[in-house]
Amino acid sequence: LLASVSWGLGTGSLGTWGVIQLMSYFPKCFTLGEATAVTHGIILFLLSTASNLPLRYHLPPLHDDDIATTILQ
């Protein structure tokens, strides 16, 4: 429960901060909805990468193509 709450608060805070940063770095380029979608996509990509890469440590060494596949999945 504590881990779930921590991840939720961290992701929510990162999402809010990311939208504000995106809107300030690229003024008049994004609507609020577009900035939110882009920020959530980036967060999901980072969390997916962070959760997939440690699972590969106990397996045989990866080739460059396999690393890219693991990151993109």
C-alpha atoms as a PDB file:
ATOM      1  CA  LEU A   1       0.000   0.000   0.000  1.00  0.00           C
ATOM      2  CA  LEU A   2       2.791   2.401   0.882  1.00  0.00           C
ATOM      3  CA  ALA A   3       4.598   1.703  -2.395  1.00  0.00           C
ATOM      4  CA  SER A   4       1.388   2.232  -4.357  1.00  0.00           C
ATOM      5  CA  VAL A   5       0.674   5.542  -2.641  1.00  0.00           C
ATOM      6  CA  SER A   6       4.280   6.643  -3.139  1.00  0.00           C
ATOM      7  CA  TRP A   7       4.223   5.802  -6.851  1.00  0.00           C
ATOM      8  CA  GLY A   8       0.860   7.520  -7.249  1.00  0.00           C
ATOM      9  CA  LEU A   9       1.973  10.712  -5.541  1.00  0.00           C
ATOM     10  CA  GLY A  10       5.274  10.708  -7.393  1.00  0.00           C
ATOM     11  CA  THR A  11       3.659  10.173 -10.770  1.00  0.00           C
ATOM     12  CA  GLY A  12       0.974  12.767 -10.097  1.00  0.00           C
ATOM     13  CA  SER A  13       3.506  15.337  -8.961  1.00  0.00           C
ATOM     14  CA  LEU A  14       5.795  14.584 -11.894  1.00  0.00           C
ATOM     15  CA  GLY A  15       2.849  14.837 -14.279  1.00  0.00           C
ATOM     16  CA  THR A  16       1.728  18.202 -12.944  1.00  0.00           C
ATOM     17  CA  TRP A  17       5.278  19.561 -12.917  1.00  0.00           C
ATOM     18  CA  GLY A  18       5.879  18.196 -16.442  1.00  0.00           C
ATOM     19  CA  VAL A  19       2.798  19.871 -17.892  1.00  0.00           C
ATOM     20  CA  ILE A  20       3.784  23.214 -16.376  1.00  0.00           C
ATOM     21  CA  GLN A  21       7.359  22.880 -17.666  1.00  0.00           C
ATOM     22  CA  LEU A  22       6.211  21.834 -21.134  1.00  0.00           C
ATOM     23  CA  MET A  23       3.798  24.756 -21.360  1.00  0.00           C
ATOM     24  CA  SER A  24       6.485  27.220 -20.219  1.00  0.00           C
ATOM     25  CA  TYR A  25       9.258  25.900 -22.505  1.00  0.00           C
ATOM     26  CA  PHE A  26       6.997  25.772 -25.561  1.00  0.00           C
ATOM     27  CA  PRO A  27       4.537  28.660 -25.207  1.00  0.00           C
ATOM     28  CA  LYS A  28       1.653  28.720 -27.695  1.00  0.00           C
ATOM     29  CA  CYS A  29       2.644  25.277 -29.053  1.00  0.00           C
ATOM     30  CA  PHE A  30       0.433  22.990 -26.957  1.00  0.00           C
ATOM     31  CA  THR A  31      -3.057  23.118 -25.580  1.00  0.00           C
ATOM     32  CA  LEU A  32      -3.436  21.933 -21.999  1.00  0.00           C
ATOM     33  CA  GLY A  33      -4.792  18.573 -23.166  1.00  0.00           C
ATOM     34  CA  GLU A  34      -1.952  18.014 -25.626  1.00  0.00           C
ATOM     35  CA  ALA A  35       0.674  18.914 -23.022  1.00  0.00           C
ATOM     36  CA  THR A  36      -0.954  16.509 -20.572  1.00  0.00           C
ATOM     37  CA  ALA A  37      -0.970  13.691 -23.144  1.00  0.00           C
ATOM     38  CA  VAL A  38       2.690  14.264 -24.058  1.00  0.00           C
ATOM     39  CA  THR A  39       3.749  14.426 -20.404  1.00  0.00           C
ATOM     40  CA  HIS A  40       1.852  11.247 -19.516  1.00  0.00           C
ATOM     41  CA  GLY A  41       3.388   9.479 -22.510  1.00  0.00           C
ATOM     42  CA  ILE A  42       6.881  10.441 -21.374  1.00  0.00           C
ATOM     43  CA  ILE A  43       6.167   9.328 -17.805  1.00  0.00           C
ATOM     44  CA  LEU A  44       4.782   5.973 -18.972  1.00  0.00           C
ATOM     45  CA  PHE A  45       7.808   5.438 -21.218  1.00  0.00           C
ATOM     46  CA  LEU A  46      10.231   6.177 -18.368  1.00  0.00           C
ATOM     47  CA  LEU A  47       8.389   3.967 -15.874  1.00  0.00           C
ATOM     48  CA  SER A  48       8.118   1.126 -18.386  1.00  0.00           C
ATOM     49  CA  THR A  49      11.833   1.344 -19.138  1.00  0.00           C
ATOM     50  CA  ALA A  50      12.701   1.468 -15.442  1.00  0.00           C
ATOM     51  CA  SER A  51      10.586  -1.601 -14.733  1.00  0.00           C
ATOM     52  CA  ASN A  52      11.710  -3.676 -17.767  1.00  0.00           C
ATOM     53  CA  LEU A  53      15.479  -3.192 -17.650  1.00  0.00           C
ATOM     54  CA  PRO A  54      16.119  -4.650 -14.161  1.00  0.00           C
ATOM     55  CA  LEU A  55      14.264  -7.816 -15.182  1.00  0.00           C
ATOM     56  CA  ARG A  56      16.924  -8.437 -17.838  1.00  0.00           C
ATOM     57  CA  TYR A  57      19.906  -8.604 -15.438  1.00  0.00           C
ATOM     58  CA  HIS A  58      19.544 -12.307 -14.642  1.00  0.00           C
ATOM     59  CA  LEU A  59      19.315 -13.296 -18.326  1.00  0.00           C
ATOM     60  CA  PRO A  60      22.219 -13.801 -20.783  1.00  0.00           C
ATOM     61  CA  PRO A  61      23.923 -10.654 -22.170  1.00  0.00           C
ATOM     62  CA  LEU A  62      21.871  -8.578 -24.561  1.00  0.00           C
ATOM     63  CA  HIS A  63      22.777  -7.453 -28.043  1.00  0.00           C
ATOM     64  CA  ASP A  64      22.170  -3.839 -29.052  1.00  0.00           C
ATOM     65  CA  ASP A  65      18.935  -4.734 -30.844  1.00  0.00           C
ATOM     66  CA  ASP A  66      17.637  -6.575 -27.780  1.00  0.00           C
ATOM     67  CA  ILE A  67      18.361  -3.573 -25.551  1.00  0.00           C
ATOM     68  CA  ALA A  68      16.385  -1.304 -27.871  1.00  0.00           C
ATOM     69  CA  THR A  69      13.519  -3.811 -27.922  1.00  0.00           C
ATOM     70  CA  THR A  70      13.478  -4.023 -24.123  1.00  0.00           C
ATOM     71  CA  ILE A  71      13.415  -0.238 -23.762  1.00  0.00           C
ATOM     72  CA  LEU A  72      10.670   0.226 -26.347  1.00  0.00           C
ATOM     73  CA  GLN A  73       8.462  -2.494 -24.903  1.00  0.00           C
END
